[in-house]
Amino acid sequence: IARNASLAAKETPRLVAQCRLHVRSRRYRLADADGISAKAVIDGCVHAGILADDKAEFVKEVTYSQEKIRKADGPEETVIEFFLV
């Protein structure tokens, strides 16, 4: 759902089980090892009502990977995958 309004205020289903997150970055140029962060992504998922909270009670682990792509492969993107524990 791509909107500016928060889903957190609405009565929508949330992921309330403990999960692991994997952040996969597909970029034309690779970032430094510490250049990929999920802080804003996780905070956004909480704000949107997807995650109930970002405490360790809900998010057990966050992993990262990146892939170098060519412009012919499509636009740069960041993919967030949720895995229930």
C-alpha atoms as a PDB file:
ATOM      1  CA  ILE A   1       0.000   0.000   0.000  1.00  0.00           C
ATOM      2  CA  ALA A   2       1.640   3.214  -1.105  1.00  0.00           C
ATOM      3  CA  ARG A   3       0.034   6.119   0.697  1.00  0.00           C
ATOM      4  CA  ASN A   4       1.061   8.905   3.021  1.00  0.00           C
ATOM      5  CA  ALA A   5      -1.479   8.042   5.706  1.00  0.00           C
ATOM      6  CA  SER A   6      -0.454   5.630   8.435  1.00  0.00           C
ATOM      7  CA  LEU A   7      -2.199   2.287   8.694  1.00  0.00           C
ATOM      8  CA  ALA A   8      -1.223   2.129  12.355  1.00  0.00           C
ATOM      9  CA  ALA A   9      -4.266   4.189  13.346  1.00  0.00           C
ATOM     10  CA  LYS A  10      -6.639   1.905  11.442  1.00  0.00           C
ATOM     11  CA  GLU A  11      -7.767  -1.521  12.477  1.00  0.00           C
ATOM     12  CA  THR A  12      -5.726  -3.525   9.984  1.00  0.00           C
ATOM     13  CA  PRO A  13      -3.919  -6.814  10.439  1.00  0.00           C
ATOM     14  CA  ARG A  14      -0.371  -6.482  11.716  1.00  0.00           C
ATOM     15  CA  LEU A  15       2.495  -8.882  11.840  1.00  0.00           C
ATOM     16  CA  VAL A  16       2.531  -9.615  15.558  1.00  0.00           C
ATOM     17  CA  ALA A  17       4.625 -12.795  15.419  1.00  0.00           C
ATOM     18  CA  GLN A  18       8.383 -12.747  15.815  1.00  0.00           C
ATOM     19  CA  CYS A  19      10.127 -12.478  12.459  1.00  0.00           C
ATOM     20  CA  ARG A  20      13.431 -12.114  10.709  1.00  0.00           C
ATOM     21  CA  LEU A  21      13.922  -9.396   8.100  1.00  0.00           C
ATOM     22  CA  HIS A  22      16.203  -9.547   5.084  1.00  0.00           C
ATOM     23  CA  VAL A  23      16.977  -6.313   3.247  1.00  0.00           C
ATOM     24  CA  ARG A  24      18.164  -6.902  -0.324  1.00  0.00           C
ATOM     25  CA  SER A  25      19.527  -3.905  -2.180  1.00  0.00           C
ATOM     26  CA  ARG A  26      19.802  -3.985  -5.977  1.00  0.00           C
ATOM     27  CA  ARG A  27      21.976  -1.061  -7.132  1.00  0.00           C
ATOM     28  CA  TYR A  28      23.950   0.135 -10.139  1.00  0.00           C
ATOM     29  CA  ARG A  29      26.912   0.762  -7.832  1.00  0.00           C
ATOM     30  CA  LEU A  30      27.519  -1.281  -4.698  1.00  0.00           C
ATOM     31  CA  ALA A  31      27.513   0.539  -1.365  1.00  0.00           C
ATOM     32  CA  ASP A  32      30.132   0.271   1.357  1.00  0.00           C
ATOM     33  CA  ALA A  33      29.571  -2.641   3.729  1.00  0.00           C
ATOM     34  CA  ASP A  34      28.124  -0.264   6.331  1.00  0.00           C
ATOM     35  CA  GLY A  35      26.216   1.779   3.748  1.00  0.00           C
ATOM     36  CA  ILE A  36      23.046  -0.297   3.795  1.00  0.00           C
ATOM     37  CA  SER A  37      20.843   0.310   6.793  1.00  0.00           C
ATOM     38  CA  ALA A  38      17.357  -0.886   7.602  1.00  0.00           C
ATOM     39  CA  LYS A  39      16.616   1.541  10.441  1.00  0.00           C
ATOM     40  CA  ALA A  40      14.348   3.732   8.317  1.00  0.00           C
ATOM     41  CA  VAL A  41      12.774   0.694   6.659  1.00  0.00           C
ATOM     42  CA  ILE A  42      11.890  -0.927   9.977  1.00  0.00           C
ATOM     43  CA  ASP A  43      10.602   2.342  11.433  1.00  0.00           C
ATOM     44  CA  GLY A  44       8.493   2.796   8.280  1.00  0.00           C
ATOM     45  CA  CYS A  45       7.028  -0.706   8.641  1.00  0.00           C
ATOM     46  CA  VAL A  46       6.025   0.105  12.220  1.00  0.00           C
ATOM     47  CA  HIS A  47       4.559   3.474  11.184  1.00  0.00           C
ATOM     48  CA  ALA A  48       2.610   1.812   8.356  1.00  0.00           C
ATOM     49  CA  GLY A  49       1.191  -0.764  10.751  1.00  0.00           C
ATOM     50  CA  ILE A  50       2.919  -3.737   9.101  1.00  0.00           C
ATOM     51  CA  LEU A  51       5.005  -4.518  12.190  1.00  0.00           C
ATOM     52  CA  ALA A  52       3.494  -4.114  15.634  1.00  0.00           C
ATOM     53  CA  ASP A  53       6.826  -2.795  16.991  1.00  0.00           C
ATOM     54  CA  ASP A  54      10.540  -2.918  16.260  1.00  0.00           C
ATOM     55  CA  LYS A  55      11.480  -4.398  19.621  1.00  0.00           C
ATOM     56  CA  ALA A  56      13.425  -7.675  19.739  1.00  0.00           C
ATOM     57  CA  GLU A  57      10.168  -9.298  20.805  1.00  0.00           C
ATOM     58  CA  PHE A  58       8.957  -8.872  17.202  1.00  0.00           C
ATOM     59  CA  VAL A  59      12.139  -8.506  15.101  1.00  0.00           C
ATOM     60  CA  LYS A  60      14.585 -11.267  15.963  1.00  0.00           C
ATOM     61  CA  GLU A  61      17.197 -10.608  13.291  1.00  0.00           C
ATOM     62  CA  VAL A  62      17.932  -8.292  10.368  1.00  0.00           C
ATOM     63  CA  THR A  63      20.254  -9.389   7.552  1.00  0.00           C
ATOM     64  CA  TYR A  64      21.461  -7.542   4.478  1.00  0.00           C
ATOM     65  CA  SER A  65      22.662  -8.322   0.996  1.00  0.00           C
ATOM     66  CA  GLN A  66      23.331  -6.311  -2.113  1.00  0.00           C
ATOM     67  CA  GLU A  67      23.488  -7.091  -5.780  1.00  0.00           C
ATOM     68  CA  LYS A  68      25.072  -5.049  -8.527  1.00  0.00           C
ATOM     69  CA  ILE A  69      22.773  -4.663 -11.524  1.00  0.00           C
ATOM     70  CA  ARG A  70      22.989  -2.981 -14.916  1.00  0.00           C
ATOM     71  CA  LYS A  71      20.565  -0.271 -15.990  1.00  0.00           C
ATOM     72  CA  ALA A  72      19.248  -2.763 -18.534  1.00  0.00           C
ATOM     73  CA  ASP A  73      18.193  -4.989 -15.596  1.00  0.00           C
ATOM     74  CA  GLY A  74      15.680  -2.374 -14.461  1.00  0.00           C
ATOM     75  CA  PRO A  75      15.526   0.278 -11.764  1.00  0.00           C
ATOM     76  CA  GLU A  76      17.406   0.203  -8.488  1.00  0.00           C
ATOM     77  CA  GLU A  77      15.327  -1.218  -5.682  1.00  0.00           C
ATOM     78  CA  THR A  78      15.345  -2.351  -2.094  1.00  0.00           C
ATOM     79  CA  VAL A  79      13.402  -5.495  -1.267  1.00  0.00           C
ATOM     80  CA  ILE A  80      12.385  -6.260   2.326  1.00  0.00           C
ATOM     81  CA  GLU A  81      11.531  -9.877   3.040  1.00  0.00           C
ATOM     82  CA  PHE A  82       9.722 -10.981   6.206  1.00  0.00           C
ATOM     83  CA  PHE A  83      10.237 -14.513   7.520  1.00  0.00           C
ATOM     84  CA  LEU A  84       8.149 -15.759  10.435  1.00  0.00           C
ATOM     85  CA  VAL A  85      10.176 -17.457  13.157  1.00  0.00           C
END
